[in-house]
């Protein structure tokens, strides 16, 4: 997936503009994002502050690492079973 040109801090600041009363269309136009992108950000980051977003990023990274470890372990286990001839 492509990296966003906006950091989590910038996204939260953009969402805060809309929460302070600015029209969604105006916020999207000012920052050059589509309304679909804006609402996707709002679903993911709505109600968060910067520290929450950083914590979310750390947790997502850790989750990805653990999923890779689990997949590698399952693959190793499958290979060993094949070598030993067990179904």
C-alpha atoms as a PDB file:
ATOM      1  CA  UNK A   1       0.000   0.000   0.000  1.00  0.00           C
ATOM      2  CA  UNK A   2       1.209   3.479  -0.852  1.00  0.00           C
ATOM      3  CA  UNK A   3       2.328   5.769   1.931  1.00  0.00           C
ATOM      4  CA  UNK A   4       0.221   8.840   2.558  1.00  0.00           C
ATOM      5  CA  UNK A   5       1.692  12.250   1.875  1.00  0.00           C
ATOM      6  CA  UNK A   6       0.169  13.310   5.199  1.00  0.00           C
ATOM      7  CA  UNK A   7       1.467  12.228   8.594  1.00  0.00           C
ATOM      8  CA  UNK A   8      -0.877  11.095  11.339  1.00  0.00           C
ATOM      9  CA  UNK A   9      -0.412  14.455  13.059  1.00  0.00           C
ATOM     10  CA  UNK A  10      -1.411  16.323   9.897  1.00  0.00           C
ATOM     11  CA  UNK A  11      -4.448  14.094   9.378  1.00  0.00           C
ATOM     12  CA  UNK A  12      -5.630  14.727  12.931  1.00  0.00           C
ATOM     13  CA  UNK A  13      -5.163  18.479  12.424  1.00  0.00           C
ATOM     14  CA  UNK A  14      -7.222  18.325   9.213  1.00  0.00           C
ATOM     15  CA  UNK A  15      -9.984  16.414  10.995  1.00  0.00           C
ATOM     16  CA  UNK A  16      -9.911  18.963  13.825  1.00  0.00           C
ATOM     17  CA  UNK A  17     -10.551  21.786  11.328  1.00  0.00           C
ATOM     18  CA  UNK A  18     -13.768  20.101  10.266  1.00  0.00           C
ATOM     19  CA  UNK A  19     -14.766  19.419  13.871  1.00  0.00           C
ATOM     20  CA  UNK A  20     -14.345  23.135  14.684  1.00  0.00           C
ATOM     21  CA  UNK A  21     -17.102  23.936  12.201  1.00  0.00           C
ATOM     22  CA  UNK A  22     -15.469  24.297   8.803  1.00  0.00           C
ATOM     23  CA  UNK A  23     -17.389  22.613   5.981  1.00  0.00           C
ATOM     24  CA  UNK A  24     -16.070  19.206   4.946  1.00  0.00           C
ATOM     25  CA  UNK A  25     -15.914  20.205   1.277  1.00  0.00           C
ATOM     26  CA  UNK A  26     -13.868  23.292   2.163  1.00  0.00           C
ATOM     27  CA  UNK A  27     -11.411  21.280   4.272  1.00  0.00           C
ATOM     28  CA  UNK A  28     -10.983  18.742   1.470  1.00  0.00           C
ATOM     29  CA  UNK A  29     -10.413  21.472  -1.117  1.00  0.00           C
ATOM     30  CA  UNK A  30      -7.876  23.329   1.055  1.00  0.00           C
ATOM     31  CA  UNK A  31      -5.783  20.240   1.634  1.00  0.00           C
ATOM     32  CA  UNK A  32      -6.263  18.598  -1.754  1.00  0.00           C
ATOM     33  CA  UNK A  33      -7.925  15.373  -0.614  1.00  0.00           C
ATOM     34  CA  UNK A  34     -11.093  13.703  -1.788  1.00  0.00           C
ATOM     35  CA  UNK A  35     -14.121  13.461   0.435  1.00  0.00           C
ATOM     36  CA  UNK A  36     -13.775   9.659   0.404  1.00  0.00           C
ATOM     37  CA  UNK A  37     -10.246   9.983   1.776  1.00  0.00           C
ATOM     38  CA  UNK A  38     -11.437  12.444   4.383  1.00  0.00           C
ATOM     39  CA  UNK A  39     -14.187  10.114   5.626  1.00  0.00           C
ATOM     40  CA  UNK A  40     -11.790   7.133   5.618  1.00  0.00           C
ATOM     41  CA  UNK A  41      -9.433   9.176   7.819  1.00  0.00           C
ATOM     42  CA  UNK A  42     -12.354  10.145  10.022  1.00  0.00           C
ATOM     43  CA  UNK A  43     -13.315   6.498  10.483  1.00  0.00           C
ATOM     44  CA  UNK A  44      -9.755   5.582  11.420  1.00  0.00           C
ATOM     45  CA  UNK A  45      -8.549   8.653  13.352  1.00  0.00           C
ATOM     46  CA  UNK A  46     -11.788  10.341  14.455  1.00  0.00           C
ATOM     47  CA  UNK A  47     -11.674  11.396  18.100  1.00  0.00           C
ATOM     48  CA  UNK A  48      -7.964  10.653  18.517  1.00  0.00           C
ATOM     49  CA  UNK A  49      -5.227  12.957  19.567  1.00  0.00           C
ATOM     50  CA  UNK A  50      -1.644  12.753  18.324  1.00  0.00           C
ATOM     51  CA  UNK A  51      -0.421  10.431  21.088  1.00  0.00           C
ATOM     52  CA  UNK A  52      -3.254   7.987  20.357  1.00  0.00           C
ATOM     53  CA  UNK A  53      -2.337   7.968  16.668  1.00  0.00           C
ATOM     54  CA  UNK A  54       1.319   7.256  17.481  1.00  0.00           C
ATOM     55  CA  UNK A  55       0.294   4.403  19.767  1.00  0.00           C
ATOM     56  CA  UNK A  56      -1.966   3.012  17.023  1.00  0.00           C
ATOM     57  CA  UNK A  57       0.934   3.074  14.567  1.00  0.00           C
ATOM     58  CA  UNK A  58       3.181   1.195  17.025  1.00  0.00           C
ATOM     59  CA  UNK A  59       0.491  -1.413  17.638  1.00  0.00           C
ATOM     60  CA  UNK A  60      -0.125  -1.900  13.903  1.00  0.00           C
ATOM     61  CA  UNK A  61       3.605  -2.391  13.302  1.00  0.00           C
ATOM     62  CA  UNK A  62       3.845  -4.905  16.141  1.00  0.00           C
ATOM     63  CA  UNK A  63       0.770  -6.746  14.865  1.00  0.00           C
ATOM     64  CA  UNK A  64       2.302  -7.029  11.387  1.00  0.00           C
ATOM     65  CA  UNK A  65       5.543  -8.380  12.835  1.00  0.00           C
ATOM     66  CA  UNK A  66       3.706 -10.974  14.915  1.00  0.00           C
ATOM     67  CA  UNK A  67       1.606 -12.096  11.926  1.00  0.00           C
ATOM     68  CA  UNK A  68       4.791 -12.648   9.914  1.00  0.00           C
ATOM     69  CA  UNK A  69       6.328 -14.669  12.755  1.00  0.00           C
ATOM     70  CA  UNK A  70       3.192 -16.788  13.001  1.00  0.00           C
ATOM     71  CA  UNK A  71       3.126 -17.418   9.242  1.00  0.00           C
ATOM     72  CA  UNK A  72       6.801 -18.407   9.260  1.00  0.00           C
ATOM     73  CA  UNK A  73       6.220 -20.776  12.161  1.00  0.00           C
ATOM     74  CA  UNK A  74       3.249 -22.421  10.431  1.00  0.00           C
ATOM     75  CA  UNK A  75       5.283 -22.815   7.241  1.00  0.00           C
ATOM     76  CA  UNK A  76       8.180 -24.396   9.121  1.00  0.00           C
ATOM     77  CA  UNK A  77       5.794 -26.770  10.854  1.00  0.00           C
ATOM     78  CA  UNK A  78       4.189 -27.761   7.546  1.00  0.00           C
ATOM     79  CA  UNK A  79       7.596 -28.409   5.952  1.00  0.00           C
ATOM     80  CA  UNK A  80       8.678 -30.591   8.877  1.00  0.00           C
ATOM     81  CA  UNK A  81       5.477 -32.639   8.649  1.00  0.00           C
ATOM     82  CA  UNK A  82       6.023 -33.145   4.920  1.00  0.00           C
ATOM     83  CA  UNK A  83       9.618 -34.295   5.515  1.00  0.00           C
ATOM     84  CA  UNK A  84       8.560 -36.756   8.180  1.00  0.00           C
ATOM     85  CA  UNK A  85       5.723 -38.071   6.032  1.00  0.00           C
ATOM     86  CA  UNK A  86       2.954 -37.314   8.500  1.00  0.00           C
ATOM     87  CA  UNK A  87      -0.409 -36.197   7.084  1.00  0.00           C
END
